[in-house]
Each structure stands twice: as structure tokens, then as C-alpha cells.
Amino acid sequence: MQALLEKLLEEIRGAWRFRWVALGVAWVICVLGWLFVLKMPDIYEASVSVLVDTRTTLSRVTQGMTVDSNIDTEIVRVRQSLLSDPQLEAAMRATDFPLQGLSAPELQMKIAGLRKRIVLTAKSSGVFTLSYRDQDRD
């Protein structure tokens, strides 16, 4: 036990002798880290969780007669309904997206671009998360 204590004290004395070198290395690493973080682009993300009842009246009636749908088909169905043109256009109007002066083809291009950038994931049965990322906060 005494030998272990002496070894520990010797290591502490050795570290104390090189404290200025350690402090200098820590500052260099810190400054390099700050420069790296400052060079990273800003990314803004918005997400929402939605509860969707994927079991319709028809699926309750046909339960047992057909193969139950899996989560992949539910995601496709929810994606088609939530990311339809009228839904996305209403969302764009609700968020003050500049739609004035756009022709119909330009509006369709904006909606298609928005649809491509929205990510839809299933958390659990009936709970879906929609998320959108961009480097421009507007």
C-alpha cells in the first residue's frame, strides 16, 4: 500500500512540473475546437409528431380475411396523405411562405421541393414524426 501511495505522489509531482505545457496544449486544442465549431454551417430543424389512426373502418371489417398491413405500408399511406399538394400548400400559407406572384408551375415546383426535403419516420403504432432541415431559418 505504501509503494502505491509513493508511486501516486511521484506521478502527481511529475504532472505538476509539466503543468504549463499541459495548459498550453489545452489552450491550443480549445482554440482549434472553437475555430472548427465556427466554421460549421448553421442547420435549422423543425419537427412535429403526429398521431394518425391507420386503422380505418374498412380494415376493421376485413380483419382476419386479409393480411394485416405492416408499418411500411402505413408509412406510405400516411406519407401520401400528409404530403399531398393541398396539405403542403396550406402549411406553406400558414407559415407565411412567400407565395404571392408565383404561377401554378412555380408553386408546384416549390411544393415538390418541400416534399422531397421532409422526412417521415414512424415512432410507434400510429405515431409519426415529420422533420424538415435547412440552412436558412426562413
N, C-alpha and C. Protein backbone atom coordinates (compact mmCIF):
# COMPACT_ATOMS: atom_id res chain seq x y z
N MET A 1 0.83 -1.18 0.00
CA MET A 1 0.00 0.00 0.00
C MET A 1 0.88 1.26 0.00
N GLN A 2 1.97 1.20 0.78
CA GLN A 2 2.89 2.33 0.85
C GLN A 2 3.55 2.59 -0.50
N ALA A 3 3.90 1.53 -1.20
CA ALA A 3 4.53 1.67 -2.52
C ALA A 3 3.57 2.31 -3.52
N LEU A 4 2.30 1.94 -3.43
CA LEU A 4 1.29 2.51 -4.32
C LEU A 4 1.10 4.00 -4.04
N LEU A 5 1.11 4.38 -2.77
CA LEU A 5 0.96 5.77 -2.39
C LEU A 5 2.16 6.60 -2.85
N GLU A 6 3.37 6.05 -2.70
CA GLU A 6 4.56 6.75 -3.17
C GLU A 6 4.56 6.91 -4.69
N LYS A 7 4.12 5.89 -5.40
CA LYS A 7 4.04 5.97 -6.85
C LYS A 7 3.04 7.05 -7.27
N LEU A 8 1.92 7.14 -6.58
CA LEU A 8 0.91 8.15 -6.88
C LEU A 8 1.45 9.55 -6.63
N LEU A 9 2.14 9.76 -5.53
CA LEU A 9 2.72 11.07 -5.24
C LEU A 9 3.79 11.44 -6.26
N GLU A 10 4.56 10.48 -6.71
CA GLU A 10 5.57 10.74 -7.73
C GLU A 10 4.92 11.17 -9.05
N GLU A 11 3.83 10.53 -9.40
CA GLU A 11 3.10 10.91 -10.64
C GLU A 11 2.51 12.31 -10.51
N ILE A 12 2.01 12.65 -9.35
CA ILE A 12 1.44 13.99 -9.14
C ILE A 12 2.54 15.05 -9.23
N ARG A 13 3.69 14.80 -8.64
CA ARG A 13 4.82 15.74 -8.74
C ARG A 13 5.28 15.92 -10.18
N GLY A 14 5.31 14.82 -10.93
CA GLY A 14 5.71 14.88 -12.34
C GLY A 14 4.70 15.69 -13.16
N ALA A 15 3.43 15.51 -12.88
CA ALA A 15 2.41 16.27 -13.59
C ALA A 15 2.50 17.74 -13.23
N TRP A 16 2.81 18.05 -11.98
CA TRP A 16 2.92 19.45 -11.54
C TRP A 16 4.09 20.16 -12.23
N ARG A 17 5.15 19.42 -12.49
CA ARG A 17 6.31 20.02 -13.17
C ARG A 17 5.97 20.44 -14.59
N PHE A 18 5.10 19.70 -15.25
CA PHE A 18 4.76 20.00 -16.64
C PHE A 18 3.38 20.65 -16.77
N ARG A 19 2.96 21.36 -15.74
CA ARG A 19 1.63 21.97 -15.76
C ARG A 19 1.50 23.04 -16.83
N TRP A 20 2.56 23.80 -17.10
CA TRP A 20 2.48 24.87 -18.10
C TRP A 20 2.41 24.30 -19.51
N VAL A 21 3.08 23.19 -19.73
CA VAL A 21 2.99 22.53 -21.03
C VAL A 21 1.57 21.99 -21.24
N ALA A 22 1.03 21.39 -20.21
CA ALA A 22 -0.34 20.85 -20.29
C ALA A 22 -1.34 21.99 -20.52
N LEU A 23 -1.15 23.12 -19.84
CA LEU A 23 -2.05 24.26 -20.02
C LEU A 23 -1.95 24.80 -21.44
N GLY A 24 -0.74 24.89 -21.97
CA GLY A 24 -0.57 25.36 -23.35
C GLY A 24 -1.22 24.43 -24.37
N VAL A 25 -1.06 23.13 -24.19
CA VAL A 25 -1.68 22.15 -25.09
C VAL A 25 -3.20 22.25 -24.99
N ALA A 26 -3.72 22.42 -23.79
CA ALA A 26 -5.17 22.54 -23.62
C ALA A 26 -5.70 23.78 -24.33
N TRP A 27 -4.98 24.90 -24.25
CA TRP A 27 -5.41 26.13 -24.94
C TRP A 27 -5.37 25.97 -26.45
N VAL A 28 -4.36 25.32 -26.98
CA VAL A 28 -4.28 25.10 -28.43
C VAL A 28 -5.44 24.23 -28.90
N ILE A 29 -5.72 23.17 -28.19
CA ILE A 29 -6.84 22.29 -28.55
C ILE A 29 -8.16 23.06 -28.45
N CYS A 30 -8.29 23.88 -27.43
CA CYS A 30 -9.51 24.65 -27.24
C CYS A 30 -9.72 25.64 -28.39
N VAL A 31 -8.70 26.37 -28.77
CA VAL A 31 -8.82 27.35 -29.86
C VAL A 31 -9.12 26.65 -31.17
N LEU A 32 -8.47 25.53 -31.45
CA LEU A 32 -8.76 24.78 -32.66
C LEU A 32 -10.20 24.27 -32.67
N GLY A 33 -10.68 23.84 -31.54
CA GLY A 33 -12.08 23.39 -31.43
C GLY A 33 -13.05 24.53 -31.69
N TRP A 34 -12.76 25.72 -31.15
CA TRP A 34 -13.63 26.87 -31.39
C TRP A 34 -13.65 27.24 -32.86
N LEU A 35 -12.51 27.22 -33.51
CA LEU A 35 -12.46 27.55 -34.94
C LEU A 35 -13.24 26.53 -35.76
N PHE A 36 -13.15 25.27 -35.40
CA PHE A 36 -13.90 24.23 -36.10
C PHE A 36 -15.41 24.45 -35.94
N VAL A 37 -15.84 24.76 -34.73
CA VAL A 37 -17.27 24.98 -34.48
C VAL A 37 -17.76 26.22 -35.22
N LEU A 38 -16.95 27.27 -35.28
CA LEU A 38 -17.35 28.47 -36.00
C LEU A 38 -17.48 28.23 -37.50
N LYS A 39 -16.73 27.31 -38.06
CA LYS A 39 -16.78 27.01 -39.49
C LYS A 39 -17.95 26.11 -39.85
N MET A 40 -18.57 25.46 -38.88
CA MET A 40 -19.69 24.56 -39.16
C MET A 40 -20.89 25.38 -39.63
N PRO A 41 -21.62 24.91 -40.65
CA PRO A 41 -22.79 25.66 -41.11
C PRO A 41 -23.95 25.53 -40.11
N ASP A 42 -24.76 26.58 -40.06
CA ASP A 42 -25.94 26.54 -39.21
C ASP A 42 -26.98 25.65 -39.86
N ILE A 43 -27.61 24.80 -39.07
CA ILE A 43 -28.67 23.93 -39.57
C ILE A 43 -29.87 24.11 -38.65
N TYR A 44 -30.99 24.45 -39.25
CA TYR A 44 -32.22 24.63 -38.51
C TYR A 44 -33.13 23.45 -38.81
N GLU A 45 -33.79 22.95 -37.77
CA GLU A 45 -34.66 21.79 -37.94
C GLU A 45 -35.98 22.03 -37.23
N ALA A 46 -37.04 21.66 -37.90
CA ALA A 46 -38.37 21.70 -37.32
C ALA A 46 -38.94 20.29 -37.41
N SER A 47 -39.57 19.85 -36.34
CA SER A 47 -40.17 18.52 -36.37
C SER A 47 -41.48 18.54 -35.59
N VAL A 48 -42.34 17.64 -35.96
CA VAL A 48 -43.63 17.52 -35.31
C VAL A 48 -44.00 16.04 -35.25
N SER A 49 -44.62 15.65 -34.16
CA SER A 49 -45.13 14.28 -34.03
C SER A 49 -46.63 14.31 -34.26
N VAL A 50 -47.09 13.36 -35.06
CA VAL A 50 -48.50 13.31 -35.44
C VAL A 50 -49.04 11.93 -35.10
N LEU A 51 -50.22 11.91 -34.47
CA LEU A 51 -50.90 10.66 -34.19
C LEU A 51 -51.92 10.43 -35.29
N VAL A 52 -51.76 9.35 -36.02
CA VAL A 52 -52.64 9.04 -37.14
C VAL A 52 -53.29 7.70 -36.88
N ASP A 53 -54.63 7.68 -36.99
CA ASP A 53 -55.35 6.42 -36.85
C ASP A 53 -55.28 5.70 -38.19
N THR A 54 -54.42 4.71 -38.28
CA THR A 54 -54.21 3.99 -39.54
C THR A 54 -55.20 2.85 -39.72
N ARG A 55 -56.01 2.60 -38.73
CA ARG A 55 -56.98 1.52 -38.83
C ARG A 55 -58.34 2.12 -39.21
N THR A 56 -58.69 2.01 -40.45
CA THR A 56 -59.94 2.57 -40.93
C THR A 56 -61.08 1.59 -40.67
N THR A 57 -62.28 2.04 -40.92
CA THR A 57 -63.46 1.18 -40.74
C THR A 57 -63.37 -0.04 -41.65
N LEU A 58 -62.90 0.16 -42.86
CA LEU A 58 -62.77 -0.96 -43.79
C LEU A 58 -61.78 -2.00 -43.28
N SER A 59 -60.68 -1.56 -42.69
CA SER A 59 -59.70 -2.54 -42.21
C SER A 59 -60.24 -3.30 -41.00
N ARG A 60 -61.12 -2.67 -40.22
CA ARG A 60 -61.73 -3.39 -39.09
C ARG A 60 -62.69 -4.46 -39.59
N VAL A 61 -63.41 -4.15 -40.67
CA VAL A 61 -64.37 -5.10 -41.22
C VAL A 61 -63.64 -6.28 -41.85
N THR A 62 -62.55 -6.00 -42.55
CA THR A 62 -61.82 -7.06 -43.26
C THR A 62 -60.77 -7.74 -42.40
N GLN A 63 -60.74 -7.43 -41.12
CA GLN A 63 -59.74 -8.03 -40.23
C GLN A 63 -59.95 -9.55 -40.19
N GLY A 64 -58.92 -10.27 -40.40
CA GLY A 64 -58.98 -11.71 -40.41
C GLY A 64 -59.17 -12.29 -41.79
N MET A 65 -59.76 -11.52 -42.71
CA MET A 65 -59.96 -12.00 -44.08
C MET A 65 -58.77 -11.69 -44.97
N THR A 66 -58.04 -10.63 -44.63
CA THR A 66 -56.90 -10.23 -45.44
C THR A 66 -55.66 -10.19 -44.56
N VAL A 67 -54.55 -10.03 -45.22
CA VAL A 67 -53.29 -9.91 -44.50
C VAL A 67 -53.21 -8.52 -43.89
N ASP A 68 -52.88 -8.45 -42.60
CA ASP A 68 -52.76 -7.14 -41.94
C ASP A 68 -51.60 -6.36 -42.54
N SER A 69 -51.79 -5.04 -42.64
CA SER A 69 -50.74 -4.21 -43.22
C SER A 69 -49.59 -4.05 -42.24
N ASN A 70 -48.41 -3.94 -42.76
CA ASN A 70 -47.25 -3.73 -41.90
C ASN A 70 -46.95 -2.23 -41.81
N ILE A 71 -45.95 -1.89 -41.07
CA ILE A 71 -45.63 -0.49 -40.80
C ILE A 71 -45.18 0.24 -42.06
N ASP A 72 -44.56 -0.48 -43.01
CA ASP A 72 -44.09 0.17 -44.24
C ASP A 72 -45.26 0.67 -45.08
N THR A 73 -46.30 -0.14 -45.20
CA THR A 73 -47.45 0.31 -45.98
C THR A 73 -48.18 1.44 -45.27
N GLU A 74 -48.20 1.41 -43.94
CA GLU A 74 -48.81 2.52 -43.19
C GLU A 74 -48.03 3.81 -43.42
N ILE A 75 -46.71 3.73 -43.42
CA ILE A 75 -45.89 4.93 -43.67
C ILE A 75 -46.17 5.48 -45.06
N VAL A 76 -46.28 4.60 -46.04
CA VAL A 76 -46.55 5.06 -47.41
C VAL A 76 -47.91 5.75 -47.47
N ARG A 77 -48.92 5.14 -46.84
CA ARG A 77 -50.25 5.74 -46.85
C ARG A 77 -50.28 7.08 -46.14
N VAL A 78 -49.64 7.16 -44.98
CA VAL A 78 -49.61 8.42 -44.22
C VAL A 78 -48.81 9.47 -44.98
N ARG A 79 -47.72 9.06 -45.59
CA ARG A 79 -46.90 10.00 -46.37
C ARG A 79 -47.70 10.58 -47.53
N GLN A 80 -48.45 9.74 -48.21
CA GLN A 80 -49.25 10.22 -49.33
C GLN A 80 -50.32 11.21 -48.87
N SER A 81 -50.93 10.95 -47.72
CA SER A 81 -52.00 11.85 -47.27
C SER A 81 -51.45 13.13 -46.64
N LEU A 82 -50.38 13.04 -45.85
CA LEU A 82 -49.85 14.23 -45.18
C LEU A 82 -49.03 15.11 -46.12
N LEU A 83 -48.41 14.52 -47.12
CA LEU A 83 -47.57 15.29 -48.02
C LEU A 83 -48.23 15.51 -49.38
N SER A 84 -49.55 15.54 -49.38
CA SER A 84 -50.26 15.84 -50.62
C SER A 84 -50.15 17.34 -50.92
N ASP A 85 -50.42 17.70 -52.16
CA ASP A 85 -50.29 19.10 -52.57
C ASP A 85 -51.14 20.06 -51.73
N PRO A 86 -52.43 19.76 -51.49
CA PRO A 86 -53.23 20.70 -50.70
C PRO A 86 -52.71 20.86 -49.26
N GLN A 87 -52.23 19.77 -48.66
CA GLN A 87 -51.71 19.85 -47.29
C GLN A 87 -50.46 20.72 -47.24
N LEU A 88 -49.54 20.50 -48.17
CA LEU A 88 -48.29 21.27 -48.17
C LEU A 88 -48.55 22.74 -48.52
N GLU A 89 -49.47 22.99 -49.43
CA GLU A 89 -49.78 24.38 -49.77
C GLU A 89 -50.39 25.09 -48.57
N ALA A 90 -51.27 24.41 -47.82
CA ALA A 90 -51.85 25.01 -46.61
C ALA A 90 -50.77 25.27 -45.57
N ALA A 91 -49.82 24.36 -45.44
CA ALA A 91 -48.72 24.56 -44.48
C ALA A 91 -47.85 25.74 -44.90
N MET A 92 -47.60 25.87 -46.20
CA MET A 92 -46.79 26.99 -46.69
C MET A 92 -47.51 28.32 -46.44
N ARG A 93 -48.81 28.34 -46.64
CA ARG A 93 -49.57 29.58 -46.39
C ARG A 93 -49.62 29.90 -44.89
N ALA A 94 -49.69 28.88 -44.05
CA ALA A 94 -49.77 29.10 -42.60
C ALA A 94 -48.45 29.62 -42.04
N THR A 95 -47.34 29.33 -42.70
CA THR A 95 -46.04 29.77 -42.20
C THR A 95 -45.54 31.02 -42.91
N ASP A 96 -46.42 31.74 -43.58
CA ASP A 96 -46.08 32.99 -44.28
C ASP A 96 -45.00 32.78 -45.33
N PHE A 97 -45.01 31.66 -45.99
CA PHE A 97 -44.09 31.40 -47.09
C PHE A 97 -44.48 32.32 -48.24
N PRO A 98 -43.53 32.98 -48.88
CA PRO A 98 -43.87 33.95 -49.94
C PRO A 98 -44.42 33.26 -51.19
N LEU A 99 -45.75 33.19 -51.29
CA LEU A 99 -46.39 32.54 -52.43
C LEU A 99 -47.01 33.54 -53.40
N GLN A 100 -47.06 34.83 -53.03
CA GLN A 100 -47.66 35.82 -53.91
C GLN A 100 -46.82 35.98 -55.16
N GLY A 101 -47.49 36.05 -56.28
CA GLY A 101 -46.80 36.27 -57.54
C GLY A 101 -46.24 35.02 -58.17
N LEU A 102 -46.47 33.86 -57.58
CA LEU A 102 -45.99 32.61 -58.17
C LEU A 102 -47.04 32.06 -59.13
N SER A 103 -46.60 31.59 -60.27
CA SER A 103 -47.51 30.94 -61.20
C SER A 103 -47.76 29.50 -60.72
N ALA A 104 -48.71 28.85 -61.32
CA ALA A 104 -49.06 27.48 -60.92
C ALA A 104 -47.88 26.52 -61.07
N PRO A 105 -47.12 26.56 -62.17
CA PRO A 105 -45.96 25.65 -62.26
C PRO A 105 -44.88 25.96 -61.23
N GLU A 106 -44.67 27.25 -60.95
CA GLU A 106 -43.67 27.61 -59.93
C GLU A 106 -44.11 27.12 -58.55
N LEU A 107 -45.41 27.25 -58.26
CA LEU A 107 -45.94 26.78 -56.98
C LEU A 107 -45.77 25.26 -56.87
N GLN A 108 -46.04 24.54 -57.96
CA GLN A 108 -45.88 23.09 -57.94
C GLN A 108 -44.41 22.70 -57.73
N MET A 109 -43.49 23.48 -58.29
CA MET A 109 -42.06 23.20 -58.08
C MET A 109 -41.67 23.43 -56.63
N LYS A 110 -42.20 24.51 -56.01
CA LYS A 110 -41.91 24.77 -54.59
C LYS A 110 -42.46 23.65 -53.72
N ILE A 111 -43.68 23.21 -54.00
CA ILE A 111 -44.29 22.13 -53.22
C ILE A 111 -43.51 20.83 -53.40
N ALA A 112 -43.09 20.53 -54.60
CA ALA A 112 -42.31 19.30 -54.85
C ALA A 112 -40.97 19.36 -54.13
N GLY A 113 -40.33 20.53 -54.14
CA GLY A 113 -39.06 20.68 -53.42
C GLY A 113 -39.23 20.50 -51.92
N LEU A 114 -40.33 21.03 -51.39
CA LEU A 114 -40.61 20.87 -49.96
C LEU A 114 -40.88 19.41 -49.63
N ARG A 115 -41.63 18.73 -50.49
CA ARG A 115 -41.98 17.33 -50.26
C ARG A 115 -40.73 16.45 -50.22
N LYS A 116 -39.74 16.75 -51.07
CA LYS A 116 -38.51 15.96 -51.11
C LYS A 116 -37.68 16.12 -49.84
N ARG A 117 -37.80 17.27 -49.19
CA ARG A 117 -36.94 17.55 -48.03
C ARG A 117 -37.57 17.17 -46.70
N ILE A 118 -38.83 16.78 -46.69
CA ILE A 118 -39.49 16.37 -45.45
C ILE A 118 -39.23 14.88 -45.23
N VAL A 119 -38.81 14.55 -44.02
CA VAL A 119 -38.53 13.16 -43.65
C VAL A 119 -39.64 12.67 -42.73
N LEU A 120 -40.24 11.56 -43.07
CA LEU A 120 -41.32 10.97 -42.29
C LEU A 120 -40.83 9.66 -41.70
N THR A 121 -40.90 9.54 -40.36
CA THR A 121 -40.50 8.31 -39.69
C THR A 121 -41.60 7.87 -38.75
N ALA A 122 -41.70 6.58 -38.54
CA ALA A 122 -42.69 6.03 -37.63
C ALA A 122 -42.03 5.76 -36.29
N LYS A 123 -42.59 6.34 -35.23
CA LYS A 123 -42.05 6.10 -33.89
C LYS A 123 -42.64 4.83 -33.31
N SER A 124 -43.95 4.76 -33.29
CA SER A 124 -44.64 3.59 -32.77
C SER A 124 -45.94 3.46 -33.54
N SER A 125 -46.80 2.62 -33.08
CA SER A 125 -48.05 2.36 -33.80
C SER A 125 -48.91 3.61 -33.87
N GLY A 126 -48.98 4.20 -35.05
CA GLY A 126 -49.83 5.37 -35.25
C GLY A 126 -49.17 6.70 -34.98
N VAL A 127 -47.96 6.73 -34.42
CA VAL A 127 -47.27 7.99 -34.15
C VAL A 127 -46.16 8.16 -35.19
N PHE A 128 -46.26 9.26 -35.92
CA PHE A 128 -45.31 9.55 -36.97
C PHE A 128 -44.63 10.88 -36.69
N THR A 129 -43.37 11.02 -37.10
CA THR A 129 -42.64 12.26 -36.93
C THR A 129 -42.27 12.80 -38.30
N LEU A 130 -42.64 14.06 -38.52
CA LEU A 130 -42.26 14.77 -39.74
C LEU A 130 -41.18 15.75 -39.34
N SER A 131 -40.06 15.76 -40.08
CA SER A 131 -38.99 16.70 -39.77
C SER A 131 -38.47 17.32 -41.06
N TYR A 132 -38.01 18.56 -40.91
CA TYR A 132 -37.52 19.35 -42.05
C TYR A 132 -36.26 20.06 -41.60
N ARG A 133 -35.20 19.99 -42.40
CA ARG A 133 -33.93 20.64 -42.11
C ARG A 133 -33.56 21.59 -43.24
N ASP A 134 -32.95 22.71 -42.86
CA ASP A 134 -32.49 23.67 -43.86
C ASP A 134 -31.40 24.53 -43.24
N GLN A 135 -30.56 25.12 -44.09
CA GLN A 135 -29.53 26.02 -43.59
C GLN A 135 -30.06 27.45 -43.47
N ASP A 136 -31.19 27.73 -44.06
CA ASP A 136 -31.82 29.04 -43.96
C ASP A 136 -32.98 28.95 -42.99
N ARG A 137 -32.98 29.77 -41.95
CA ARG A 137 -34.02 29.66 -40.94
C ARG A 137 -35.38 30.09 -41.45
N ASP A 138 -35.42 30.91 -42.48
CA ASP A 138 -36.72 31.33 -43.04
C ASP A 138 -37.34 30.21 -43.84
